[in-house]
Amino acid sequence: MALAEVSALMQDHDADLVGAAARLRAIAPSALEADDLASYSWLVNHVIGEKGHDWPGARALLEALPALAGQPPVVLRNRAVAFAMGGAALQAWQAEGELAQALACGPTLAATAVRLGALQHLAGSADPRLVATSLAPCVQAIEAAPAGGPVLVMAARAINNAISGWLEHPQPATADPAVAAAMTRAARCCKTIWQHAGTWIQVERADYLIALVANALGDWEAAARAARDGIRMIEANGSEDVDRAFLLLELARARHGMGEGEAARTTRDASFSLAERFDEPGLREWFDRKAGALAALTSAPASASTA
């Protein structure tokens, strides 16, 4: 029963965050099994801590989790994040040490994983300059780590979420060189990790992330290269029309930025054509939000964001 509720919350929590928080609080910790804990602990941090601004409440829920054998290490990471954000430093450090043991990595990498886990909940609302200042050394530590290992996969997912949050920030400070450099390097770090430890789908989605960042920064040529890299990855490995549609959308945006009006419109139309076949209403709504001004492209080049 708990597994079904956790699975449902993973799908629909954004539609009603207040209701989702109530549903999470209604789940008895004793009803959770090891397979529930990764999603449950992330939802608690995201819905109650990040969106509900109640980190002490998130900490209390994760503190009550049963010590189940076989639970994923990410649960320890999420507990450490909740403890740190909820003002329980000693418990955060203890969970961080347990995470280092579970991942068979050093304390520095475990601490980095926890910091990245916190940043994914902060990047959408905190000062982007402060986020960039914290993100940059984390990425540097991950880049210096030996290739492979679960800590890098955990880091890549958190970096992806942090960048996605920054992209949704109402004032992302894209004109700040430190912010631009940190986000660009972080996106490329994700791709490097997935090239060593992921599937081809994760690699092309990393290309999409790079394209998103580059377009947000007005680096049209880099965005176009990344989008094309992702499209080529799909063509070389199989069929992924949803991802292809989003990649084409960013390629159209980049071409518009470079003043390639006709090519931008052609690429946009190809993207919209794929989106017409989406069979999930939420997915099409997300696509339409991403499409934004591209629905009425002109031949005039776009200007870089100065937010």
Protein backbone atom coordinates (compact mmCIF):
# COMPACT_ATOMS: atom_id res chain seq x y z
CA MET A 1 0.00 0.00 0.00
CA ALA A 2 2.78 2.43 0.92
CA LEU A 3 4.64 1.60 -2.29
CA ALA A 4 1.54 2.40 -4.37
CA GLU A 5 1.09 5.75 -2.59
CA VAL A 6 4.77 6.67 -2.98
CA SER A 7 4.64 5.76 -6.67
CA ALA A 8 1.50 7.86 -7.14
CA LEU A 9 3.10 10.82 -5.38
CA MET A 10 6.13 10.61 -7.65
CA GLN A 11 3.75 11.13 -10.58
CA ASP A 12 1.35 13.77 -9.28
CA HIS A 13 2.92 15.65 -6.36
CA ASP A 14 3.45 18.88 -8.31
CA ALA A 15 -0.27 19.20 -9.06
CA ASP A 16 -1.14 19.76 -5.39
CA LEU A 17 1.89 20.35 -3.17
CA VAL A 18 -0.16 20.98 -0.03
CA GLY A 19 -2.13 17.79 -0.57
CA ALA A 20 1.05 15.89 -1.40
CA ALA A 21 2.62 17.02 1.87
CA ALA A 22 -0.42 15.77 3.79
CA ARG A 23 -0.29 12.44 1.99
CA LEU A 24 3.40 12.05 2.79
CA ARG A 25 2.79 12.78 6.47
CA ALA A 26 0.01 10.19 6.48
CA ILE A 27 2.34 7.36 5.44
CA ALA A 28 3.45 5.40 8.49
CA PRO A 29 7.23 4.89 8.50
CA SER A 30 6.69 1.30 9.61
CA ALA A 31 4.72 0.63 6.40
CA LEU A 32 7.66 1.54 4.19
CA GLU A 33 9.90 -1.09 2.68
CA ALA A 34 13.45 -0.74 1.40
CA ASP A 35 12.26 -0.22 -2.19
CA ASP A 36 10.07 2.73 -1.10
CA LEU A 37 12.72 4.68 0.72
CA ALA A 38 14.64 6.32 -2.13
CA SER A 39 11.54 7.92 -3.64
CA TYR A 40 9.93 8.63 -0.27
CA SER A 41 12.98 10.38 1.16
CA TRP A 42 13.41 12.51 -1.96
CA LEU A 43 9.72 13.46 -1.94
CA VAL A 44 9.89 14.48 1.71
CA ASN A 45 12.84 16.78 1.02
CA HIS A 46 11.33 18.17 -2.18
CA VAL A 47 7.70 18.61 -1.14
CA ILE A 48 7.96 19.37 2.58
CA GLY A 49 11.46 20.81 2.87
CA GLU A 50 12.00 22.67 -0.42
CA LYS A 51 8.48 23.58 -1.54
CA GLY A 52 6.85 23.71 1.89
CA HIS A 53 9.77 25.53 3.53
CA ASP A 54 9.53 23.12 6.46
CA TRP A 55 12.95 21.52 6.77
CA PRO A 56 12.48 20.66 10.46
CA GLY A 57 9.35 18.76 9.41
CA ALA A 58 11.25 16.95 6.66
CA ARG A 59 14.02 16.12 9.13
CA ALA A 60 11.52 14.65 11.61
CA LEU A 61 9.97 12.39 8.97
CA LEU A 62 13.31 11.07 7.71
CA GLU A 63 14.61 10.68 11.26
CA ALA A 64 11.71 8.30 11.88
CA LEU A 65 12.56 6.01 8.96
CA PRO A 66 13.20 2.38 9.90
CA ALA A 67 16.73 1.03 9.50
CA LEU A 68 15.94 -1.45 6.74
CA ALA A 69 18.54 -3.74 5.22
CA GLY A 70 19.17 -3.18 1.54
CA GLN A 71 18.04 0.42 1.38
CA PRO A 72 19.76 2.50 -1.32
CA PRO A 73 22.63 4.78 -0.24
CA VAL A 74 20.71 7.76 -1.63
CA VAL A 75 18.44 7.46 1.41
CA LEU A 76 21.42 8.24 3.63
CA ARG A 77 22.21 11.21 1.40
CA ASN A 78 18.64 12.48 1.64
CA ARG A 79 18.65 12.05 5.42
CA ALA A 80 21.92 13.98 5.67
CA VAL A 81 20.42 16.78 3.57
CA ALA A 82 17.29 16.96 5.73
CA PHE A 83 19.36 16.98 8.91
CA ALA A 84 21.66 19.71 7.59
CA MET A 85 18.81 21.87 6.29
CA GLY A 86 16.74 21.20 9.41
CA GLY A 87 19.40 22.37 11.82
CA ALA A 88 20.68 19.02 13.09
CA ALA A 89 24.38 19.22 12.25
CA LEU A 90 25.55 16.26 14.32
CA GLN A 91 23.00 13.91 12.77
CA ALA A 92 23.91 15.27 9.33
CA TRP A 93 27.57 14.47 9.89
CA GLN A 94 26.71 11.00 11.15
CA ALA A 95 24.59 10.28 8.06
CA GLU A 96 27.39 11.66 5.89
CA GLY A 97 29.84 9.22 7.48
CA GLU A 98 27.42 6.34 6.94
CA LEU A 99 27.07 7.42 3.33
CA ALA A 100 30.85 7.28 2.85
CA GLN A 101 30.84 3.71 4.14
CA ALA A 102 27.87 2.69 2.02
CA LEU A 103 29.42 4.12 -1.15
CA ALA A 104 32.95 2.97 -0.31
CA CYS A 105 34.20 6.48 -1.01
CA GLY A 106 36.21 8.95 1.01
CA PRO A 107 34.66 11.54 3.34
CA THR A 108 35.31 14.36 0.88
CA LEU A 109 33.24 12.74 -1.85
CA ALA A 110 30.48 11.86 0.62
CA ALA A 111 30.38 15.46 1.83
CA THR A 112 30.28 16.62 -1.80
CA ALA A 113 27.36 14.30 -2.53
CA VAL A 114 25.45 15.73 0.43
CA ARG A 115 26.17 19.33 -0.59
CA LEU A 116 24.99 18.61 -4.13
CA GLY A 117 21.91 16.96 -2.64
CA ALA A 118 21.15 20.19 -0.80
CA LEU A 119 21.88 22.38 -3.81
CA GLN A 120 19.28 20.58 -5.91
CA HIS A 121 16.65 21.87 -3.45
CA LEU A 122 18.09 25.39 -3.25
CA ALA A 123 19.01 26.31 -6.81
CA GLY A 124 15.50 27.26 -7.90
CA SER A 125 15.07 29.94 -5.24
CA ALA A 126 18.41 30.90 -3.66
CA ASP A 127 20.74 33.63 -4.95
CA PRO A 128 22.26 32.12 -8.14
CA ARG A 129 25.63 33.66 -7.29
CA LEU A 130 25.73 31.83 -3.97
CA VAL A 131 24.56 28.63 -5.64
CA ALA A 132 27.34 28.94 -8.24
CA THR A 133 29.91 29.57 -5.51
CA SER A 134 28.87 26.34 -3.79
CA LEU A 135 28.41 24.31 -6.96
CA ALA A 136 31.79 25.04 -8.54
CA PRO A 137 33.99 23.27 -5.93
CA CYS A 138 31.58 20.34 -5.83
CA VAL A 139 31.93 19.86 -9.57
CA GLN A 140 35.69 20.18 -9.29
CA ALA A 141 35.75 17.43 -6.63
CA ILE A 142 33.59 15.16 -8.78
CA GLU A 143 35.78 15.75 -11.83
CA ALA A 144 38.86 14.77 -9.80
CA ALA A 145 37.28 11.56 -8.50
CA PRO A 146 38.10 8.17 -10.04
CA ALA A 147 35.78 7.29 -12.92
CA GLY A 148 32.85 5.07 -12.06
CA GLY A 149 31.19 4.33 -8.78
CA PRO A 150 27.75 5.03 -7.36
CA VAL A 151 28.77 8.34 -5.80
CA LEU A 152 29.31 9.83 -9.27
CA VAL A 153 25.92 8.66 -10.50
CA MET A 154 24.32 10.17 -7.40
CA ALA A 155 26.24 13.38 -8.06
CA ALA A 156 25.19 13.55 -11.72
CA ARG A 157 21.51 13.31 -10.82
CA ALA A 158 21.81 16.00 -8.18
CA ILE A 159 23.76 18.29 -10.52
CA ASN A 160 21.10 17.83 -13.18
CA ASN A 161 18.38 18.76 -10.69
CA ALA A 162 20.36 21.77 -9.44
CA ILE A 163 20.86 23.09 -12.97
CA SER A 164 17.20 22.48 -13.80
CA GLY A 165 16.22 24.45 -10.70
CA TRP A 166 18.52 27.31 -11.70
CA LEU A 167 17.02 27.38 -15.19
CA GLU A 168 13.59 27.92 -13.61
CA HIS A 169 14.84 30.67 -11.28
CA PRO A 170 12.99 33.97 -11.85
CA GLN A 171 16.33 35.86 -11.84
CA PRO A 172 19.03 33.37 -12.89
CA ALA A 173 21.84 35.97 -13.12
CA THR A 174 22.92 34.65 -16.51
CA ALA A 175 25.06 37.76 -17.11
CA ASP A 176 27.28 36.94 -14.14
CA PRO A 177 30.47 35.24 -15.45
CA ALA A 178 30.84 33.06 -12.35
CA VAL A 179 27.28 31.78 -12.65
CA ALA A 180 27.68 31.13 -16.38
CA ALA A 181 30.98 29.29 -15.88
CA ALA A 182 29.68 27.17 -12.99
CA MET A 183 26.52 26.06 -14.78
CA THR A 184 28.32 25.35 -18.05
CA ARG A 185 30.98 23.26 -16.33
CA ALA A 186 28.41 21.44 -14.22
CA ALA A 187 26.33 20.47 -17.25
CA ARG A 188 29.40 19.13 -19.03
CA CYS A 189 30.39 17.22 -15.90
CA CYS A 190 27.04 15.42 -16.05
CA LYS A 191 27.73 14.28 -19.59
CA THR A 192 31.20 13.01 -18.67
CA ILE A 193 29.75 10.93 -15.83
CA TRP A 194 27.05 9.40 -18.01
CA GLN A 195 29.57 8.61 -20.74
CA HIS A 196 31.36 6.40 -18.19
CA ALA A 197 28.47 5.14 -16.11
CA GLY A 198 25.22 5.65 -17.98
CA THR A 199 23.14 4.61 -20.97
CA TRP A 200 23.05 6.35 -24.32
CA ILE A 201 19.74 7.92 -23.28
CA GLN A 202 21.39 9.49 -20.26
CA VAL A 203 24.17 10.81 -22.49
CA GLU A 204 21.79 12.45 -24.96
CA ARG A 205 19.80 13.91 -22.08
CA ALA A 206 23.04 15.40 -20.80
CA ASP A 207 23.48 16.97 -24.24
CA TYR A 208 19.99 18.43 -23.83
CA LEU A 209 21.00 19.88 -20.46
CA ILE A 210 24.11 21.43 -22.01
CA ALA A 211 21.95 22.93 -24.77
CA LEU A 212 19.49 24.35 -22.24
CA VAL A 213 22.28 26.02 -20.29
CA ALA A 214 24.00 27.38 -23.39
CA ASN A 215 20.75 28.83 -24.74
CA ALA A 216 19.98 30.42 -21.37
CA LEU A 217 23.40 32.07 -21.52
CA GLY A 218 23.02 33.17 -25.14
CA ASP A 219 25.82 30.88 -26.32
CA TRP A 220 23.93 29.88 -29.42
CA GLU A 221 26.70 27.97 -31.16
CA ALA A 222 27.40 25.79 -28.10
CA ALA A 223 23.68 25.14 -27.73
CA ALA A 224 23.38 24.10 -31.36
CA ARG A 225 26.37 21.74 -31.08
CA ALA A 226 24.98 20.09 -27.97
CA ALA A 227 21.51 19.69 -29.46
CA ARG A 228 22.95 18.14 -32.61
CA ASP A 229 25.12 15.81 -30.50
CA GLY A 230 22.03 14.60 -28.68
CA ILE A 231 20.09 14.09 -31.90
CA ARG A 232 22.99 12.12 -33.41
CA MET A 233 23.13 9.95 -30.28
CA ILE A 234 19.46 9.07 -30.72
CA GLU A 235 19.91 8.36 -34.42
CA ALA A 236 22.86 6.06 -33.70
CA ASN A 237 21.09 4.03 -31.03
CA GLY A 238 17.35 3.84 -31.56
CA SER A 239 14.17 5.87 -31.37
CA GLU A 240 13.34 8.43 -28.69
CA ASP A 241 10.86 10.86 -30.21
CA VAL A 242 10.07 12.71 -26.98
CA ASP A 243 13.71 13.55 -26.32
CA ARG A 244 14.25 14.33 -29.99
CA ALA A 245 11.40 16.85 -29.91
CA PHE A 246 12.93 18.69 -26.97
CA LEU A 247 16.39 18.64 -28.54
CA LEU A 248 14.98 20.05 -31.77
CA LEU A 249 13.29 22.77 -29.74
CA GLU A 250 16.65 23.88 -28.32
CA LEU A 251 18.28 23.63 -31.74
CA ALA A 252 15.56 25.91 -33.11
CA ARG A 253 16.17 28.35 -30.27
CA ALA A 254 19.90 28.35 -30.98
CA ARG A 255 19.38 28.86 -34.71
CA HIS A 256 17.04 31.73 -33.99
CA GLY A 257 19.71 33.26 -31.77
CA MET A 258 22.25 32.97 -34.56
CA GLY A 259 19.93 34.75 -36.98
CA GLU A 260 19.14 31.63 -39.03
CA GLY A 261 15.46 32.48 -39.29
CA GLU A 262 14.33 29.98 -41.91
CA ALA A 263 16.34 27.10 -40.43
CA ALA A 264 14.97 27.96 -36.98
CA ARG A 265 11.39 27.81 -38.22
CA THR A 266 11.97 24.51 -40.03
CA THR A 267 13.53 22.98 -36.93
CA ARG A 268 10.76 24.35 -34.75
CA ASP A 269 8.12 22.84 -37.03
CA ALA A 270 9.83 19.44 -36.89
CA SER A 271 9.84 19.66 -33.10
CA PHE A 272 6.17 20.63 -32.93
CA SER A 273 5.28 17.81 -35.32
CA LEU A 274 6.80 15.25 -32.96
CA ALA A 275 5.04 16.86 -30.00
CA GLU A 276 1.68 16.41 -31.72
CA ARG A 277 2.09 12.67 -31.11
CA PHE A 278 2.65 12.99 -27.34
CA ASP A 279 -0.02 10.93 -25.61
CA GLU A 280 0.46 12.31 -22.09
CA PRO A 281 -1.29 15.66 -21.46
CA GLY A 282 1.27 16.69 -18.83
CA LEU A 283 4.13 16.05 -21.24
CA ARG A 284 2.56 18.20 -23.94
CA GLU A 285 1.92 20.98 -21.43
CA TRP A 286 5.59 20.85 -20.39
CA PHE A 287 6.67 20.97 -24.04
CA ASP A 288 4.42 23.97 -24.72
CA ARG A 289 5.89 25.82 -21.74
CA LYS A 290 9.40 25.11 -23.03
CA ALA A 291 8.43 26.21 -26.53
CA GLY A 292 7.44 29.65 -25.28
CA ALA A 293 8.22 32.40 -27.77
CA LEU A 294 9.35 29.87 -30.37
CA ALA A 295 5.72 29.42 -31.34
CA ALA A 296 5.98 32.76 -33.19
CA LEU A 297 9.55 32.90 -34.43
CA THR A 298 10.69 35.79 -36.57
CA SER A 299 13.89 36.08 -38.51
CA ALA A 300 15.36 38.57 -36.04
CA PRO A 301 18.08 37.05 -33.82
CA ALA A 302 17.34 36.71 -30.13
CA SER A 303 19.43 38.49 -27.53
CA ALA A 304 21.16 36.84 -24.58
CA SER A 305 19.37 36.96 -21.27
CA THR A 306 20.66 39.58 -18.85
CA ALA A 307 18.57 38.54 -15.88
